[in-house]
Amino acid sequence: MITTTANLTLVRATATAAVVGLVGIALFQLALALGAPLGQAAWGGTHTGSLPHRLRIASALAVLAWAGAAMLVTRRAGFGMLAMPEAVARWGTWILFGLLLLGALMNVASSSTWERYFWGPYALIVAGLCFAVARSNVT
């Protein structure tokens, strides 16, 4: 399939919005890892104040995962900023979409108000953006 300039522009704009969303998640996880008192808004919302040490480590690892996800989306959109086979970027973006969708469902089911009313819809929006990038015909 031939990629038109308008289509490429739309895919890249969508990818940019997805990356902004993914970076937002990464920054939130970074704040948690550094001890920000946001425990009620993450990891099930069962911790008030700062997270315990083991969850702070998990948040630090999550920063790396979300940063990698953002790079994956940029590669799928054809920005060419990451040396990665196209097939890996294509399938990886589909997997990312599925994980974000699952995360949105888990957040909506959470007892945490923050997760239910903020992170659930947030993850659903980012999942939708990743879906649009994943199904694009950009190579």
C-alpha atoms as a PDB file:
ATOM      1  CA  MET A   1       0.000   0.000   0.000  1.00  0.00           C
ATOM      2  CA  ILE A   2       1.276   3.463  -0.868  1.00  0.00           C
ATOM      3  CA  THR A   3       1.671   5.955   1.948  1.00  0.00           C
ATOM      4  CA  THR A   4       0.488   9.436   1.044  1.00  0.00           C
ATOM      5  CA  THR A   5       1.955  12.555   2.570  1.00  0.00           C
ATOM      6  CA  ALA A   6      -1.356  13.340   4.288  1.00  0.00           C
ATOM      7  CA  ASN A   7      -1.564   9.804   5.701  1.00  0.00           C
ATOM      8  CA  LEU A   8       2.030   9.944   6.917  1.00  0.00           C
ATOM      9  CA  THR A   9       1.372  13.306   8.571  1.00  0.00           C
ATOM     10  CA  LEU A  10      -1.724  11.945  10.328  1.00  0.00           C
ATOM     11  CA  VAL A  11       0.072   8.806  11.517  1.00  0.00           C
ATOM     12  CA  ARG A  12       2.992  10.834  12.817  1.00  0.00           C
ATOM     13  CA  ALA A  13       0.686  13.274  14.611  1.00  0.00           C
ATOM     14  CA  THR A  14      -1.152  10.341  16.197  1.00  0.00           C
ATOM     15  CA  ALA A  15       2.152   8.732  17.160  1.00  0.00           C
ATOM     16  CA  THR A  16       3.327  11.994  18.687  1.00  0.00           C
ATOM     17  CA  ALA A  17       0.163  12.167  20.810  1.00  0.00           C
ATOM     18  CA  ALA A  18       0.693   8.536  21.864  1.00  0.00           C
ATOM     19  CA  VAL A  19       4.305   9.258  22.786  1.00  0.00           C
ATOM     20  CA  VAL A  20       3.238  12.254  24.876  1.00  0.00           C
ATOM     21  CA  GLY A  21       0.811   9.951  26.711  1.00  0.00           C
ATOM     22  CA  LEU A  22       3.466   7.271  27.217  1.00  0.00           C
ATOM     23  CA  VAL A  23       5.984   9.831  28.461  1.00  0.00           C
ATOM     24  CA  GLY A  24       3.321  11.086  30.881  1.00  0.00           C
ATOM     25  CA  ILE A  25       3.034   7.574  32.318  1.00  0.00           C
ATOM     26  CA  ALA A  26       6.829   7.280  32.491  1.00  0.00           C
ATOM     27  CA  LEU A  27       7.131  10.607  34.326  1.00  0.00           C
ATOM     28  CA  PHE A  28       4.461   9.561  36.812  1.00  0.00           C
ATOM     29  CA  GLN A  29       6.323   6.294  37.447  1.00  0.00           C
ATOM     30  CA  LEU A  30       9.561   8.266  37.849  1.00  0.00           C
ATOM     31  CA  ALA A  31       7.909  10.471  40.460  1.00  0.00           C
ATOM     32  CA  LEU A  32       6.750   7.336  42.296  1.00  0.00           C
ATOM     33  CA  ALA A  33      10.228   5.805  42.108  1.00  0.00           C
ATOM     34  CA  LEU A  34      11.703   8.980  43.578  1.00  0.00           C
ATOM     35  CA  GLY A  35       9.302   8.862  46.515  1.00  0.00           C
ATOM     36  CA  ALA A  36       6.498  11.231  45.543  1.00  0.00           C
ATOM     37  CA  PRO A  37       3.528  10.764  47.901  1.00  0.00           C
ATOM     38  CA  LEU A  38       1.215   9.457  45.173  1.00  0.00           C
ATOM     39  CA  GLY A  39       0.721   5.887  46.370  1.00  0.00           C
ATOM     40  CA  GLN A  40      -3.075   6.174  46.276  1.00  0.00           C
ATOM     41  CA  ALA A  41      -2.894   6.784  42.512  1.00  0.00           C
ATOM     42  CA  ALA A  42      -0.836   3.703  41.604  1.00  0.00           C
ATOM     43  CA  TRP A  43      -0.316  -0.019  42.065  1.00  0.00           C
ATOM     44  CA  GLY A  44      -3.864  -0.647  43.246  1.00  0.00           C
ATOM     45  CA  GLY A  45      -4.022   2.509  45.355  1.00  0.00           C
ATOM     46  CA  THR A  46      -3.489   0.629  48.603  1.00  0.00           C
ATOM     47  CA  HIS A  47      -0.582   2.758  49.805  1.00  0.00           C
ATOM     48  CA  THR A  48      -0.952   6.270  51.157  1.00  0.00           C
ATOM     49  CA  GLY A  49       1.985   8.589  50.754  1.00  0.00           C
ATOM     50  CA  SER A  50       5.147   7.200  49.189  1.00  0.00           C
ATOM     51  CA  LEU A  51       5.280   3.656  47.918  1.00  0.00           C
ATOM     52  CA  PRO A  52       7.192   0.937  49.771  1.00  0.00           C
ATOM     53  CA  HIS A  53      10.709   0.196  48.545  1.00  0.00           C
ATOM     54  CA  ARG A  54       9.782  -2.816  46.368  1.00  0.00           C
ATOM     55  CA  LEU A  55       7.103  -0.831  44.489  1.00  0.00           C
ATOM     56  CA  ARG A  56       9.476   2.098  44.059  1.00  0.00           C
ATOM     57  CA  ILE A  57      11.881  -0.298  42.347  1.00  0.00           C
ATOM     58  CA  ALA A  58       8.999  -1.597  40.202  1.00  0.00           C
ATOM     59  CA  SER A  59       8.169   1.985  39.252  1.00  0.00           C
ATOM     60  CA  ALA A  60      11.809   2.620  38.281  1.00  0.00           C
ATOM     61  CA  LEU A  61      11.680  -0.423  36.012  1.00  0.00           C
ATOM     62  CA  ALA A  62       8.336   0.780  34.628  1.00  0.00           C
ATOM     63  CA  VAL A  63      10.017   4.044  33.588  1.00  0.00           C
ATOM     64  CA  LEU A  64      12.326   2.031  31.343  1.00  0.00           C
ATOM     65  CA  ALA A  65       9.444  -0.007  29.937  1.00  0.00           C
ATOM     66  CA  TRP A  66       7.344   3.067  29.113  1.00  0.00           C
ATOM     67  CA  ALA A  67      10.332   4.845  27.558  1.00  0.00           C
ATOM     68  CA  GLY A  68      10.923   1.762  25.400  1.00  0.00           C
ATOM     69  CA  ALA A  69       7.240   1.762  24.433  1.00  0.00           C
ATOM     70  CA  ALA A  70       7.520   5.391  23.341  1.00  0.00           C
ATOM     71  CA  MET A  71      10.548   4.582  21.169  1.00  0.00           C
ATOM     72  CA  LEU A  72       8.682   1.628  19.670  1.00  0.00           C
ATOM     73  CA  VAL A  73       5.774   3.866  18.635  1.00  0.00           C
ATOM     74  CA  THR A  74       8.112   6.415  17.060  1.00  0.00           C
ATOM     75  CA  ARG A  75       9.732   3.645  15.018  1.00  0.00           C
ATOM     76  CA  ARG A  76       6.346   2.286  13.923  1.00  0.00           C
ATOM     77  CA  ALA A  77       5.332   5.761  12.757  1.00  0.00           C
ATOM     78  CA  GLY A  78       8.384   5.938  10.526  1.00  0.00           C
ATOM     79  CA  PHE A  79      10.358   8.558  12.410  1.00  0.00           C
ATOM     80  CA  GLY A  80      13.451   6.362  11.990  1.00  0.00           C
ATOM     81  CA  MET A  81      14.914   7.307  15.362  1.00  0.00           C
ATOM     82  CA  LEU A  82      15.504   3.719  16.416  1.00  0.00           C
ATOM     83  CA  ALA A  83      17.301   0.941  14.560  1.00  0.00           C
ATOM     84  CA  MET A  84      14.679  -1.792  14.770  1.00  0.00           C
ATOM     85  CA  PRO A  85      13.201  -4.137  12.188  1.00  0.00           C
ATOM     86  CA  GLU A  86       9.817  -2.970  10.902  1.00  0.00           C
ATOM     87  CA  ALA A  87       8.198  -6.282  11.888  1.00  0.00           C
ATOM     88  CA  VAL A  88       9.298  -5.817  15.503  1.00  0.00           C
ATOM     89  CA  ALA A  89       7.878  -2.284  15.552  1.00  0.00           C
ATOM     90  CA  ARG A  90       4.610  -3.407  13.938  1.00  0.00           C
ATOM     91  CA  TRP A  91       4.007  -6.385  16.261  1.00  0.00           C
ATOM     92  CA  GLY A  92       5.379  -4.540  19.268  1.00  0.00           C
ATOM     93  CA  THR A  93       2.908  -1.703  18.771  1.00  0.00           C
ATOM     94  CA  TRP A  94       0.043  -4.211  18.564  1.00  0.00           C
ATOM     95  CA  ILE A  95       1.242  -5.831  21.793  1.00  0.00           C
ATOM     96  CA  LEU A  96       1.533  -2.402  23.403  1.00  0.00           C
ATOM     97  CA  PHE A  97      -2.052  -1.649  22.370  1.00  0.00           C
ATOM     98  CA  GLY A  98      -3.218  -4.884  24.017  1.00  0.00           C
ATOM     99  CA  LEU A  99      -1.288  -4.211  27.214  1.00  0.00           C
ATOM    100  CA  LEU A 100      -2.639  -0.665  27.461  1.00  0.00           C
ATOM    101  CA  LEU A 101      -6.169  -1.924  26.893  1.00  0.00           C
ATOM    102  CA  LEU A 102      -5.705  -4.529  29.625  1.00  0.00           C
ATOM    103  CA  GLY A 103      -4.214  -1.861  31.900  1.00  0.00           C
ATOM    104  CA  ALA A 104      -7.200   0.414  31.265  1.00  0.00           C
ATOM    105  CA  LEU A 105      -9.584  -2.383  32.237  1.00  0.00           C
ATOM    106  CA  MET A 106      -7.582  -3.153  35.371  1.00  0.00           C
ATOM    107  CA  ASN A 107      -7.532   0.515  36.349  1.00  0.00           C
ATOM    108  CA  VAL A 108     -11.283   0.874  35.845  1.00  0.00           C
ATOM    109  CA  ALA A 109     -11.794  -2.173  38.086  1.00  0.00           C
ATOM    110  CA  SER A 110      -9.480  -0.788  40.787  1.00  0.00           C
ATOM    111  CA  SER A 111     -10.701   0.368  44.179  1.00  0.00           C
ATOM    112  CA  SER A 112      -8.497   3.447  43.776  1.00  0.00           C
ATOM    113  CA  THR A 113     -10.451   6.525  42.716  1.00  0.00           C
ATOM    114  CA  TRP A 114      -7.386   7.847  40.892  1.00  0.00           C
ATOM    115  CA  GLU A 115      -6.972   4.647  38.916  1.00  0.00           C
ATOM    116  CA  ARG A 116     -10.660   4.300  38.161  1.00  0.00           C
ATOM    117  CA  TYR A 117     -11.381   7.830  37.007  1.00  0.00           C
ATOM    118  CA  PHE A 118      -8.012   9.073  35.768  1.00  0.00           C
ATOM    119  CA  TRP A 119      -5.642   6.255  34.814  1.00  0.00           C
ATOM    120  CA  GLY A 120      -8.338   4.019  33.318  1.00  0.00           C
ATOM    121  CA  PRO A 121      -9.540   6.586  30.773  1.00  0.00           C
ATOM    122  CA  TYR A 122      -5.971   7.838  30.260  1.00  0.00           C
ATOM    123  CA  ALA A 123      -4.723   4.347  29.379  1.00  0.00           C
ATOM    124  CA  LEU A 124      -7.738   3.813  27.116  1.00  0.00           C
ATOM    125  CA  ILE A 125      -6.966   6.989  25.169  1.00  0.00           C
ATOM    126  CA  VAL A 126      -3.285   6.067  24.803  1.00  0.00           C
ATOM    127  CA  ALA A 127      -4.336   2.546  23.761  1.00  0.00           C
ATOM    128  CA  GLY A 128      -6.568   4.032  21.062  1.00  0.00           C
ATOM    129  CA  LEU A 129      -3.714   6.164  19.769  1.00  0.00           C
ATOM    130  CA  CYS A 130      -1.417   3.127  19.704  1.00  0.00           C
ATOM    131  CA  PHE A 131      -4.122   1.161  17.879  1.00  0.00           C
ATOM    132  CA  ALA A 132      -4.263   3.829  15.173  1.00  0.00           C
ATOM    133  CA  VAL A 133      -0.464   3.782  14.803  1.00  0.00           C
ATOM    134  CA  ALA A 134      -0.330  -0.028  14.849  1.00  0.00           C
ATOM    135  CA  ARG A 135      -2.858  -0.385  12.047  1.00  0.00           C
ATOM    136  CA  SER A 136      -1.243   2.272   9.864  1.00  0.00           C
ATOM    137  CA  ASN A 137       0.546   1.326   6.692  1.00  0.00           C
ATOM    138  CA  VAL A 138       3.674   3.348   7.391  1.00  0.00           C
ATOM    139  CA  THR A 139       6.896   1.410   6.898  1.00  0.00           C
END
